[in-house]
Amino acid sequence: MSPNDLKLHNLLVEILLIDDEQYRDENGPDAIETWDSMAMVRIAMGIEEAFGYRMAPEEMVSLDSIGDIKAILRSRNIPFD
């Protein structure tokens, strides 16, 4: 796991109260019952703190999976490989 992937993993485990098996790119609000609108706000705040990127509201509402979060961060030159 890359350093940035580990940062995101730790952030989502803490906010969403998920275990390691649930941290998969395809999982999102449909698979993680604690991923609601309030959790999304906390995720966005955590991303800003951990990665220095402030997500736009349009980005927050478009997230359907952990993979989508990584894609947005990659588009801002934050590597996950």
PDB file of N, CA and C in Angstrom:
ATOM      1  N   MET A   1       0.861  -1.173   0.000  1.00  0.00           N
ATOM      2  CA  MET A   1       0.000   0.000   0.000  1.00  0.00           C
ATOM      3  C   MET A   1       0.907   1.236   0.000  1.00  0.00           C
ATOM      4  N   SER A   2       0.641   2.147  -0.928  1.00  0.00           N
ATOM      5  CA  SER A   2       1.443   3.370  -1.015  1.00  0.00           C
ATOM      6  C   SER A   2       1.157   4.269   0.193  1.00  0.00           C
ATOM      7  N   PRO A   3       2.058   5.211   0.466  1.00  0.00           N
ATOM      8  CA  PRO A   3       1.815   6.113   1.605  1.00  0.00           C
ATOM      9  C   PRO A   3       0.480   6.865   1.503  1.00  0.00           C
ATOM     10  N   ASN A   4       0.121   7.319   0.305  1.00  0.00           N
ATOM     11  CA  ASN A   4      -1.152   8.034   0.162  1.00  0.00           C
ATOM     12  C   ASN A   4      -2.347   7.100   0.313  1.00  0.00           C
ATOM     13  N   ASP A   5      -2.203   5.875  -0.177  1.00  0.00           N
ATOM     14  CA  ASP A   5      -3.277   4.900  -0.010  1.00  0.00           C
ATOM     15  C   ASP A   5      -3.459   4.574   1.473  1.00  0.00           C
ATOM     16  N   LEU A   6      -2.365   4.469   2.180  1.00  0.00           N
ATOM     17  CA  LEU A   6      -2.439   4.221   3.623  1.00  0.00           C
ATOM     18  C   LEU A   6      -3.108   5.387   4.350  1.00  0.00           C
ATOM     19  N   LYS A   7      -2.788   6.611   3.947  1.00  0.00           N
ATOM     20  CA  LYS A   7      -3.444   7.794   4.549  1.00  0.00           C
ATOM     21  C   LYS A   7      -4.943   7.746   4.335  1.00  0.00           C
ATOM     22  N   LEU A   8      -5.352   7.458   3.084  1.00  0.00           N
ATOM     23  CA  LEU A   8      -6.783   7.409   2.774  1.00  0.00           C
ATOM     24  C   LEU A   8      -7.439   6.243   3.517  1.00  0.00           C
ATOM     25  N   HIS A   9      -6.778   5.109   3.540  1.00  0.00           N
ATOM     26  CA  HIS A   9      -7.292   3.951   4.265  1.00  0.00           C
ATOM     27  C   HIS A   9      -7.570   4.310   5.724  1.00  0.00           C
ATOM     28  N   ASN A  10      -6.575   4.878   6.390  1.00  0.00           N
ATOM     29  CA  ASN A  10      -6.730   5.223   7.805  1.00  0.00           C
ATOM     30  C   ASN A  10      -7.845   6.239   8.017  1.00  0.00           C
ATOM     31  N   LEU A  11      -7.947   7.199   7.111  1.00  0.00           N
ATOM     32  CA  LEU A  11      -8.999   8.209   7.196  1.00  0.00           C
ATOM     33  C   LEU A  11     -10.385   7.575   7.088  1.00  0.00           C
ATOM     34  N   LEU A  12     -10.565   6.710   6.096  1.00  0.00           N
ATOM     35  CA  LEU A  12     -11.881   6.099   5.887  1.00  0.00           C
ATOM     36  C   LEU A  12     -12.224   5.087   6.970  1.00  0.00           C
ATOM     37  N   VAL A  13     -11.240   4.349   7.456  1.00  0.00           N
ATOM     38  CA  VAL A  13     -11.491   3.405   8.549  1.00  0.00           C
ATOM     39  C   VAL A  13     -11.982   4.158   9.778  1.00  0.00           C
ATOM     40  N   GLU A  14     -11.363   5.289  10.062  1.00  0.00           N
ATOM     41  CA  GLU A  14     -11.744   6.083  11.238  1.00  0.00           C
ATOM     42  C   GLU A  14     -13.128   6.719  11.071  1.00  0.00           C
ATOM     43  N   ILE A  15     -13.394   7.295   9.920  1.00  0.00           N
ATOM     44  CA  ILE A  15     -14.667   8.004   9.716  1.00  0.00           C
ATOM     45  C   ILE A  15     -15.825   7.038   9.510  1.00  0.00           C
ATOM     46  N   LEU A  16     -15.618   6.029   8.673  1.00  0.00           N
ATOM     47  CA  LEU A  16     -16.714   5.128   8.314  1.00  0.00           C
ATOM     48  C   LEU A  16     -16.831   3.911   9.230  1.00  0.00           C
ATOM     49  N   LEU A  17     -15.858   3.743  10.122  1.00  0.00           N
ATOM     50  CA  LEU A  17     -15.855   2.609  11.042  1.00  0.00           C
ATOM     51  C   LEU A  17     -15.924   1.280  10.298  1.00  0.00           C
ATOM     52  N   ILE A  18     -15.070   1.172   9.270  1.00  0.00           N
ATOM     53  CA  ILE A  18     -15.028  -0.048   8.464  1.00  0.00           C
ATOM     54  C   ILE A  18     -13.787  -0.855   8.823  1.00  0.00           C
ATOM     55  N   ASP A  19     -13.798  -2.126   8.411  1.00  0.00           N
ATOM     56  CA  ASP A  19     -12.611  -2.950   8.609  1.00  0.00           C
ATOM     57  C   ASP A  19     -11.809  -2.984   7.306  1.00  0.00           C
ATOM     58  N   ASP A  20     -10.642  -3.588   7.372  1.00  0.00           N
ATOM     59  CA  ASP A  20      -9.738  -3.608   6.219  1.00  0.00           C
ATOM     60  C   ASP A  20     -10.371  -4.235   4.979  1.00  0.00           C
ATOM     61  N   GLU A  21     -11.203  -5.246   5.154  1.00  0.00           N
ATOM     62  CA  GLU A  21     -11.827  -5.920   4.012  1.00  0.00           C
ATOM     63  C   GLU A  21     -12.794  -5.013   3.258  1.00  0.00           C
ATOM     64  N   GLN A  22     -13.363  -4.033   3.947  1.00  0.00           N
ATOM     65  CA  GLN A  22     -14.298  -3.127   3.295  1.00  0.00           C
ATOM     66  C   GLN A  22     -13.605  -2.003   2.532  1.00  0.00           C
ATOM     67  N   TYR A  23     -12.312  -1.816   2.763  1.00  0.00           N
ATOM     68  CA  TYR A  23     -11.554  -0.788   2.052  1.00  0.00           C
ATOM     69  C   TYR A  23     -11.160  -1.339   0.683  1.00  0.00           C
ATOM     70  N   ARG A  24     -12.114  -1.253  -0.251  1.00  0.00           N
ATOM     71  CA  ARG A  24     -11.896  -1.700  -1.630  1.00  0.00           C
ATOM     72  C   ARG A  24     -12.423  -0.628  -2.565  1.00  0.00           C
ATOM     73  N   ASP A  25     -11.736  -0.468  -3.679  1.00  0.00           N
ATOM     74  CA  ASP A  25     -12.082   0.602  -4.621  1.00  0.00           C
ATOM     75  C   ASP A  25     -13.552   0.592  -5.038  1.00  0.00           C
ATOM     76  N   GLU A  26     -14.141  -0.582  -5.161  1.00  0.00           N
ATOM     77  CA  GLU A  26     -15.526  -0.658  -5.638  1.00  0.00           C
ATOM     78  C   GLU A  26     -16.560  -0.342  -4.561  1.00  0.00           C
ATOM     79  N   ASN A  27     -16.172  -0.312  -3.311  1.00  0.00           N
ATOM     80  CA  ASN A  27     -17.137  -0.050  -2.233  1.00  0.00           C
ATOM     81  C   ASN A  27     -17.441   1.430  -2.093  1.00  0.00           C
ATOM     82  N   GLY A  28     -18.705   1.713  -1.845  1.00  0.00           N
ATOM     83  CA  GLY A  28     -19.166   3.086  -1.661  1.00  0.00           C
ATOM     84  C   GLY A  28     -20.366   3.107  -0.737  1.00  0.00           C
ATOM     85  N   PRO A  29     -21.187   4.134  -0.839  1.00  0.00           N
ATOM     86  CA  PRO A  29     -22.340   4.268   0.060  1.00  0.00           C
ATOM     87  C   PRO A  29     -23.308   3.076   0.019  1.00  0.00           C
ATOM     88  N   ASP A  30     -23.403   2.404  -1.133  1.00  0.00           N
ATOM     89  CA  ASP A  30     -24.313   1.256  -1.220  1.00  0.00           C
ATOM     90  C   ASP A  30     -23.798   0.050  -0.435  1.00  0.00           C
ATOM     91  N   ALA A  31     -22.478  -0.070  -0.315  1.00  0.00           N
ATOM     92  CA  ALA A  31     -21.878  -1.218   0.371  1.00  0.00           C
ATOM     93  C   ALA A  31     -21.475  -0.912   1.811  1.00  0.00           C
ATOM     94  N   ILE A  32     -21.320   0.366   2.123  1.00  0.00           N
ATOM     95  CA  ILE A  32     -20.872   0.768   3.456  1.00  0.00           C
ATOM     96  C   ILE A  32     -21.993   1.573   4.104  1.00  0.00           C
ATOM     97  N   GLU A  33     -22.674   0.967   5.036  1.00  0.00           N
ATOM     98  CA  GLU A  33     -23.886   1.588   5.588  1.00  0.00           C
ATOM     99  C   GLU A  33     -23.619   2.875   6.368  1.00  0.00           C
ATOM    100  N   THR A  34     -22.394   3.072   6.860  1.00  0.00           N
ATOM    101  CA  THR A  34     -22.078   4.294   7.607  1.00  0.00           C
ATOM    102  C   THR A  34     -21.695   5.458   6.696  1.00  0.00           C
ATOM    103  N   TRP A  35     -21.640   5.230   5.375  1.00  0.00           N
ATOM    104  CA  TRP A  35     -21.285   6.277   4.412  1.00  0.00           C
ATOM    105  C   TRP A  35     -22.555   7.052   4.051  1.00  0.00           C
ATOM    106  N   ASP A  36     -22.823   8.085   4.804  1.00  0.00           N
ATOM    107  CA  ASP A  36     -23.981   8.941   4.541  1.00  0.00           C
ATOM    108  C   ASP A  36     -23.490  10.357   4.251  1.00  0.00           C
ATOM    109  N   SER A  37     -24.407  11.303   4.153  1.00  0.00           N
ATOM    110  CA  SER A  37     -24.021  12.670   3.790  1.00  0.00           C
ATOM    111  C   SER A  37     -23.125  13.316   4.846  1.00  0.00           C
ATOM    112  N   MET A  38     -23.367  13.027   6.104  1.00  0.00           N
ATOM    113  CA  MET A  38     -22.527  13.591   7.151  1.00  0.00           C
ATOM    114  C   MET A  38     -21.121  12.997   7.086  1.00  0.00           C
ATOM    115  N   ALA A  39     -21.043  11.700   6.832  1.00  0.00           N
ATOM    116  CA  ALA A  39     -19.730  11.060   6.685  1.00  0.00           C
ATOM    117  C   ALA A  39     -18.986  11.655   5.496  1.00  0.00           C
ATOM    118  N   MET A  40     -19.706  11.991   4.420  1.00  0.00           N
ATOM    119  CA  MET A  40     -19.049  12.563   3.247  1.00  0.00           C
ATOM    120  C   MET A  40     -18.432  13.916   3.577  1.00  0.00           C
ATOM    121  N   VAL A  41     -19.101  14.702   4.377  1.00  0.00           N
ATOM    122  CA  VAL A  41     -18.543  15.990   4.801  1.00  0.00           C
ATOM    123  C   VAL A  41     -17.270  15.745   5.615  1.00  0.00           C
ATOM    124  N   ARG A  42     -17.310  14.780   6.515  1.00  0.00           N
ATOM    125  CA  ARG A  42     -16.127  14.459   7.320  1.00  0.00           C
ATOM    126  C   ARG A  42     -14.996  13.918   6.452  1.00  0.00           C
ATOM    127  N   ILE A  43     -15.332  13.129   5.440  1.00  0.00           N
ATOM    128  CA  ILE A  43     -14.317  12.621   4.513  1.00  0.00           C
ATOM    129  C   ILE A  43     -13.665  13.784   3.765  1.00  0.00           C
ATOM    130  N   ALA A  44     -14.476  14.701   3.268  1.00  0.00           N
ATOM    131  CA  ALA A  44     -13.937  15.859   2.534  1.00  0.00           C
ATOM    132  C   ALA A  44     -13.020  16.692   3.424  1.00  0.00           C
ATOM    133  N   MET A  45     -13.414  16.895   4.669  1.00  0.00           N
ATOM    134  CA  MET A  45     -12.572  17.649   5.605  1.00  0.00           C
ATOM    135  C   MET A  45     -11.268  16.898   5.890  1.00  0.00           C
ATOM    136  N   GLY A  46     -11.359  15.601   6.032  1.00  0.00           N
ATOM    137  CA  GLY A  46     -10.169  14.790   6.270  1.00  0.00           C
ATOM    138  C   GLY A  46      -9.224  14.786   5.081  1.00  0.00           C
ATOM    139  N   ILE A  47      -9.782  14.768   3.878  1.00  0.00           N
ATOM    140  CA  ILE A  47      -8.965  14.823   2.668  1.00  0.00           C
ATOM    141  C   ILE A  47      -8.228  16.147   2.590  1.00  0.00           C
ATOM    142  N   GLU A  48      -8.918  17.219   2.924  1.00  0.00           N
ATOM    143  CA  GLU A  48      -8.255  18.519   2.912  1.00  0.00           C
ATOM    144  C   GLU A  48      -7.100  18.546   3.908  1.00  0.00           C
ATOM    145  N   GLU A  49      -7.310  18.001   5.079  1.00  0.00           N
ATOM    146  CA  GLU A  49      -6.264  17.994   6.105  1.00  0.00           C
ATOM    147  C   GLU A  49      -5.106  17.068   5.720  1.00  0.00           C
ATOM    148  N   ALA A  50      -5.422  15.872   5.211  1.00  0.00           N
ATOM    149  CA  ALA A  50      -4.388  14.874   4.926  1.00  0.00           C
ATOM    150  C   ALA A  50      -3.642  15.130   3.620  1.00  0.00           C
ATOM    151  N   PHE A  51      -4.369  15.644   2.615  1.00  0.00           N
ATOM    152  CA  PHE A  51      -3.777  15.771   1.285  1.00  0.00           C
ATOM    153  C   PHE A  51      -3.657  17.211   0.797  1.00  0.00           C
ATOM    154  N   GLY A  52      -4.241  18.149   1.531  1.00  0.00           N
ATOM    155  CA  GLY A  52      -4.159  19.550   1.127  1.00  0.00           C
ATOM    156  C   GLY A  52      -5.038  19.897  -0.056  1.00  0.00           C
ATOM    157  N   TYR A  53      -6.032  19.055  -0.344  1.00  0.00           N
ATOM    158  CA  TYR A  53      -6.938  19.321  -1.462  1.00  0.00           C
ATOM    159  C   TYR A  53      -8.357  19.514  -0.943  1.00  0.00           C
ATOM    160  N   ARG A  54      -8.935  20.643  -1.285  1.00  0.00           N
ATOM    161  CA  ARG A  54     -10.312  20.929  -0.873  1.00  0.00           C
ATOM    162  C   ARG A  54     -11.268  20.500  -1.983  1.00  0.00           C
ATOM    163  N   MET A  55     -12.088  19.531  -1.678  1.00  0.00           N
ATOM    164  CA  MET A  55     -13.040  19.018  -2.666  1.00  0.00           C
ATOM    165  C   MET A  55     -14.173  20.002  -2.878  1.00  0.00           C
ATOM    166  N   ALA A  56     -14.563  20.154  -4.132  1.00  0.00           N
ATOM    167  CA  ALA A  56     -15.713  20.983  -4.470  1.00  0.00           C
ATOM    168  C   ALA A  56     -16.990  20.218  -4.105  1.00  0.00           C
ATOM    169  N   PRO A  57     -18.057  20.943  -3.775  1.00  0.00           N
ATOM    170  CA  PRO A  57     -19.317  20.260  -3.446  1.00  0.00           C
ATOM    171  C   PRO A  57     -19.782  19.312  -4.549  1.00  0.00           C
ATOM    172  N   GLU A  58     -19.556  19.689  -5.815  1.00  0.00           N
ATOM    173  CA  GLU A  58     -19.960  18.829  -6.934  1.00  0.00           C
ATOM    174  C   GLU A  58     -19.198  17.501  -6.916  1.00  0.00           C
ATOM    175  N   GLU A  59     -17.936  17.563  -6.501  1.00  0.00           N
ATOM    176  CA  GLU A  59     -17.144  16.339  -6.406  1.00  0.00           C
ATOM    177  C   GLU A  59     -17.661  15.453  -5.280  1.00  0.00           C
ATOM    178  N   MET A  60     -17.976  16.067  -4.158  1.00  0.00           N
ATOM    179  CA  MET A  60     -18.460  15.288  -3.015  1.00  0.00           C
ATOM    180  C   MET A  60     -19.730  14.522  -3.359  1.00  0.00           C
ATOM    181  N   VAL A  61     -20.671  15.151  -4.026  1.00  0.00           N
ATOM    182  CA  VAL A  61     -21.936  14.474  -4.322  1.00  0.00           C
ATOM    183  C   VAL A  61     -21.801  13.461  -5.454  1.00  0.00           C
ATOM    184  N   SER A  62     -20.719  13.532  -6.224  1.00  0.00           N
ATOM    185  CA  SER A  62     -20.540  12.598  -7.332  1.00  0.00           C
ATOM    186  C   SER A  62     -19.826  11.311  -6.923  1.00  0.00           C
ATOM    187  N   LEU A  63     -19.367  11.231  -5.686  1.00  0.00           N
ATOM    188  CA  LEU A  63     -18.609  10.066  -5.251  1.00  0.00           C
ATOM    189  C   LEU A  63     -19.510   8.846  -5.054  1.00  0.00           C
ATOM    190  N   ASP A  64     -19.172   7.779  -5.766  1.00  0.00           N
ATOM    191  CA  ASP A  64     -19.922   6.535  -5.636  1.00  0.00           C
ATOM    192  C   ASP A  64     -19.084   5.407  -5.064  1.00  0.00           C
ATOM    193  N   SER A  65     -17.774   5.673  -4.854  1.00  0.00           N
ATOM    194  CA  SER A  65     -16.914   4.603  -4.366  1.00  0.00           C
ATOM    195  C   SER A  65     -15.593   5.163  -3.841  1.00  0.00           C
ATOM    196  N   ILE A  66     -14.870   4.310  -3.152  1.00  0.00           N
ATOM    197  CA  ILE A  66     -13.529   4.668  -2.698  1.00  0.00           C
ATOM    198  C   ILE A  66     -12.641   4.932  -3.909  1.00  0.00           C
ATOM    199  N   GLY A  67     -12.836   4.164  -4.966  1.00  0.00           N
ATOM    200  CA  GLY A  67     -12.081   4.376  -6.200  1.00  0.00           C
ATOM    201  C   GLY A  67     -12.304   5.767  -6.776  1.00  0.00           C
ATOM    202  N   ASP A  68     -13.520   6.292  -6.642  1.00  0.00           N
ATOM    203  CA  ASP A  68     -13.806   7.657  -7.119  1.00  0.00           C
ATOM    204  C   ASP A  68     -12.999   8.691  -6.331  1.00  0.00           C
ATOM    205  N   ILE A  69     -12.850   8.473  -5.034  1.00  0.00           N
ATOM    206  CA  ILE A  69     -12.046   9.393  -4.221  1.00  0.00           C
ATOM    207  C   ILE A  69     -10.609   9.380  -4.732  1.00  0.00           C
ATOM    208  N   LYS A  70     -10.077   8.185  -4.962  1.00  0.00           N
ATOM    209  CA  LYS A  70      -8.710   8.072  -5.460  1.00  0.00           C
ATOM    210  C   LYS A  70      -8.566   8.739  -6.825  1.00  0.00           C
ATOM    211  N   ALA A  71      -9.560   8.578  -7.692  1.00  0.00           N
ATOM    212  CA  ALA A  71      -9.497   9.173  -9.030  1.00  0.00           C
ATOM    213  C   ALA A  71      -9.444  10.697  -8.953  1.00  0.00           C
ATOM    214  N   ILE A  72     -10.239  11.282  -8.067  1.00  0.00           N
ATOM    215  CA  ILE A  72     -10.215  12.734  -7.905  1.00  0.00           C
ATOM    216  C   ILE A  72      -8.847  13.180  -7.402  1.00  0.00           C
ATOM    217  N   LEU A  73      -8.315  12.469  -6.431  1.00  0.00           N
ATOM    218  CA  LEU A  73      -7.002  12.845  -5.897  1.00  0.00           C
ATOM    219  C   LEU A  73      -5.904  12.645  -6.942  1.00  0.00           C
ATOM    220  N   ARG A  74      -6.000  11.576  -7.729  1.00  0.00           N
ATOM    221  CA  ARG A  74      -5.022  11.376  -8.816  1.00  0.00           C
ATOM    222  C   ARG A  74      -5.087  12.526  -9.812  1.00  0.00           C
ATOM    223  N   SER A  75      -6.299  12.991 -10.101  1.00  0.00           N
ATOM    224  CA  SER A  75      -6.445  14.092 -11.057  1.00  0.00           C
ATOM    225  C   SER A  75      -5.809  15.382 -10.548  1.00  0.00           C
ATOM    226  N   ARG A  76      -5.517  15.422  -9.259  1.00  0.00           N
ATOM    227  CA  ARG A  76      -4.852  16.569  -8.631  1.00  0.00           C
ATOM    228  C   ARG A  76      -3.382  16.250  -8.342  1.00  0.00           C
ATOM    229  N   ASN A  77      -2.861  15.250  -9.091  1.00  0.00           N
ATOM    230  CA  ASN A  77      -1.447  14.843  -8.996  1.00  0.00           C
ATOM    231  C   ASN A  77      -1.051  14.285  -7.634  1.00  0.00           C
ATOM    232  N   ILE A  78      -1.988  13.618  -6.983  1.00  0.00           N
ATOM    233  CA  ILE A  78      -1.700  12.917  -5.739  1.00  0.00           C
ATOM    234  C   ILE A  78      -1.668  11.431  -6.088  1.00  0.00           C
ATOM    235  N   PRO A  79      -0.469  10.825  -6.098  1.00  0.00           N
ATOM    236  CA  PRO A  79      -0.336   9.447  -6.574  1.00  0.00           C
ATOM    237  C   PRO A  79      -0.863   8.396  -5.596  1.00  0.00           C
ATOM    238  N   PHE A  80      -1.376   7.292  -6.176  1.00  0.00           N
ATOM    239  CA  PHE A  80      -1.849   6.166  -5.388  1.00  0.00           C
ATOM    240  C   PHE A  80      -1.272   4.843  -5.881  1.00  0.00           C
ATOM    241  N   ASP A  81      -0.120   4.879  -6.516  1.00  0.00           N
ATOM    242  CA  ASP A  81       0.499   3.653  -7.035  1.00  0.00           C
ATOM    243  C   ASP A  81       1.716   3.267  -6.247  1.00  0.00           C
TER     244      ASP A  81
END
